[in-house]
Amino acid sequence: MSNLQQSTVNLLLRLQEPKLSQVEKARLLQDAMDMAAMGRQAKPKAATNNLPTSAAALRIAALFHRRPTTPWQDKEIASFRKLCPVDMEDLEMVCEYTEAERRKGDGIYRRDLFTFLNNYLGEVDRARQYAEVQPKLTPGLKAGVKMVS
């Protein structure tokens, strides 16, 4: 018998004592009902290790400002696995596009990891269009500065 069950039985036995007032009996009965309700509550699922481990998953997590120690939901993991293997060049292009859209303030980009993963191929298409229009910057150069040869 569990501790919760034993406590409930003890309360019910005390209810049978003849010298208890009606108020005390009501309190004991309420306590017994509360304990019984606690026993019926759903037990939390055991924590599984849903941390991102691959380079692609870690990069996507960083894109959504998630720590590497933040576990993903089961539905996010399932959606990510449908994408595997992820082309890292495409992913970097998508990350560059998403970050540029965020800088706009009112840009078009996914704000939810699950939605992003479900629409990843569309994000790759948008990133390709963006890459065709945007000139590649040399590291260290600012936008609008032209190199003189």
Protein backbone atom coordinates (compact mmCIF):
# COMPACT_ATOMS: atom_id res chain seq x y z
CA MET A 1 0.00 0.00 0.00
CA SER A 2 1.41 3.42 -0.94
CA ASN A 3 1.85 6.25 1.55
CA LEU A 4 -1.03 8.14 -0.03
CA GLN A 5 -3.35 5.15 0.30
CA GLN A 6 -2.27 4.56 3.88
CA SER A 7 -2.90 8.20 4.80
CA THR A 8 -6.36 8.05 3.23
CA VAL A 9 -7.23 4.89 5.20
CA ASN A 10 -6.04 6.50 8.45
CA LEU A 11 -8.23 9.54 7.82
CA LEU A 12 -11.26 7.36 7.12
CA LEU A 13 -10.65 5.39 10.33
CA ARG A 14 -10.48 8.63 12.33
CA LEU A 15 -13.84 9.62 10.87
CA GLN A 16 -15.40 6.68 12.75
CA GLU A 17 -14.30 7.98 16.15
CA PRO A 18 -17.43 8.90 18.18
CA LYS A 19 -16.03 11.95 19.97
CA LEU A 20 -15.34 14.00 16.78
CA SER A 21 -17.43 17.09 16.18
CA GLN A 22 -19.26 17.62 12.89
CA VAL A 23 -16.72 20.30 11.87
CA GLU A 24 -13.77 17.95 12.49
CA LYS A 25 -15.51 15.18 10.55
CA ALA A 26 -16.13 17.54 7.63
CA ARG A 27 -12.45 18.58 7.59
CA LEU A 28 -11.26 14.97 7.73
CA LEU A 29 -13.66 13.97 4.97
CA GLN A 30 -12.45 16.86 2.79
CA ASP A 31 -8.82 15.85 3.44
CA ALA A 32 -9.61 12.25 2.48
CA MET A 33 -11.30 13.40 -0.74
CA ASP A 34 -8.34 15.66 -1.58
CA MET A 35 -5.91 12.78 -1.07
CA ALA A 36 -8.00 10.48 -3.24
CA ALA A 37 -8.06 13.12 -5.97
CA MET A 38 -4.27 13.43 -5.80
CA GLY A 39 -3.99 9.71 -6.36
CA ARG A 40 -6.13 9.94 -9.51
CA GLN A 41 -4.13 12.77 -11.08
CA ALA A 42 -2.16 11.88 -14.17
CA LYS A 43 1.42 11.04 -13.47
CA PRO A 44 3.92 13.14 -15.42
CA LYS A 45 5.65 11.26 -18.21
CA ALA A 46 9.21 10.28 -17.54
CA ALA A 47 11.57 12.84 -19.01
CA THR A 48 13.23 11.61 -22.15
CA ASN A 49 16.38 12.98 -23.61
CA ASN A 50 15.01 15.14 -26.43
CA LEU A 51 18.05 17.37 -26.72
CA PRO A 52 19.28 18.32 -30.19
CA THR A 53 22.47 16.43 -30.99
CA SER A 54 23.25 16.78 -34.69
CA ALA A 55 24.96 19.85 -36.13
CA ALA A 56 21.83 20.70 -38.13
CA ALA A 57 19.54 20.40 -35.10
CA LEU A 58 21.86 22.54 -32.99
CA ARG A 59 22.02 25.21 -35.73
CA ILE A 60 18.23 25.27 -36.03
CA ALA A 61 17.91 25.49 -32.25
CA ALA A 62 20.31 28.46 -32.26
CA LEU A 63 18.26 30.11 -35.01
CA PHE A 64 15.26 30.04 -32.65
CA HIS A 65 17.36 31.26 -29.70
CA ARG A 66 17.09 27.94 -27.89
CA ARG A 67 19.85 26.67 -25.66
CA PRO A 68 21.45 23.35 -26.61
CA THR A 69 20.19 22.08 -23.24
CA THR A 70 16.55 22.86 -24.06
CA PRO A 71 14.74 19.64 -25.01
CA TRP A 72 12.62 19.54 -28.15
CA GLN A 73 9.03 18.38 -28.12
CA ASP A 74 8.29 14.95 -29.57
CA LYS A 75 6.43 16.49 -32.51
CA GLU A 76 9.42 18.73 -33.31
CA ILE A 77 11.77 15.75 -33.29
CA ALA A 78 9.46 13.78 -35.57
CA SER A 79 9.24 16.70 -37.98
CA PHE A 80 13.04 17.14 -37.95
CA ARG A 81 13.61 13.45 -38.66
CA LYS A 82 11.45 13.72 -41.77
CA LEU A 83 13.93 16.29 -43.11
CA CYS A 84 17.06 14.24 -42.49
CA PRO A 85 19.61 14.35 -43.93
CA VAL A 86 19.72 18.15 -43.92
CA ASP A 87 21.99 19.85 -46.45
CA MET A 88 24.13 22.20 -44.34
CA GLU A 89 24.61 24.69 -47.21
CA ASP A 90 20.84 25.01 -47.60
CA LEU A 91 20.47 25.35 -43.84
CA GLU A 92 23.04 28.16 -43.67
CA MET A 93 21.26 29.90 -46.55
CA VAL A 94 17.94 29.59 -44.69
CA CYS A 95 19.54 30.90 -41.49
CA GLU A 96 21.00 33.90 -43.33
CA TYR A 97 17.62 34.62 -44.94
CA THR A 98 15.72 34.27 -41.65
CA GLU A 99 18.12 36.54 -39.78
CA ALA A 100 17.87 39.17 -42.55
CA GLU A 101 14.07 39.03 -42.38
CA ARG A 102 14.16 39.42 -38.60
CA ARG A 103 16.32 42.53 -38.93
CA LYS A 104 13.61 44.09 -41.11
CA GLY A 105 11.23 44.03 -38.17
CA ASP A 106 8.16 43.25 -40.25
CA GLY A 107 9.83 40.57 -42.37
CA ILE A 108 8.39 37.22 -43.35
CA TYR A 109 9.86 34.45 -41.25
CA ARG A 110 8.73 31.56 -39.08
CA ARG A 111 8.50 32.28 -35.38
CA ASP A 112 7.82 28.75 -34.18
CA LEU A 113 10.25 25.82 -34.48
CA PHE A 114 7.55 23.25 -35.28
CA THR A 115 6.07 25.44 -38.03
CA PHE A 116 9.56 26.10 -39.40
CA LEU A 117 10.35 22.39 -39.57
CA ASN A 118 7.04 21.54 -41.22
CA ASN A 119 7.62 24.23 -43.86
CA TYR A 120 11.39 23.82 -44.23
CA LEU A 121 11.41 23.16 -47.98
CA GLY A 122 9.42 26.35 -48.56
CA GLU A 123 11.96 28.20 -46.41
CA VAL A 124 14.76 26.80 -48.59
CA ASP A 125 12.94 28.11 -51.69
CA ARG A 126 12.58 31.58 -50.15
CA ALA A 127 16.22 31.56 -49.08
CA ARG A 128 17.32 30.69 -52.63
CA GLN A 129 15.31 33.57 -54.04
CA TYR A 130 16.81 35.86 -51.41
CA ALA A 131 20.34 34.64 -52.22
CA GLU A 132 19.85 35.38 -55.94
CA VAL A 133 18.85 38.98 -55.22
CA GLN A 134 21.25 39.76 -52.36
CA PRO A 135 24.93 40.21 -53.19
CA LYS A 136 27.31 38.14 -51.13
CA LEU A 137 29.25 40.27 -48.69
CA THR A 138 32.91 39.74 -48.05
CA PRO A 139 33.39 39.06 -44.33
CA GLY A 140 34.14 42.34 -42.56
CA LEU A 141 32.55 44.57 -45.22
CA LYS A 142 29.41 46.55 -44.54
CA ALA A 143 26.47 46.62 -46.91
CA GLY A 144 26.70 49.37 -49.49
CA VAL A 145 30.52 49.49 -49.54
CA LYS A 146 32.02 48.50 -52.88
CA MET A 147 35.39 46.88 -53.21
CA VAL A 148 37.85 48.73 -55.47
CA SER A 149 40.17 46.55 -57.53
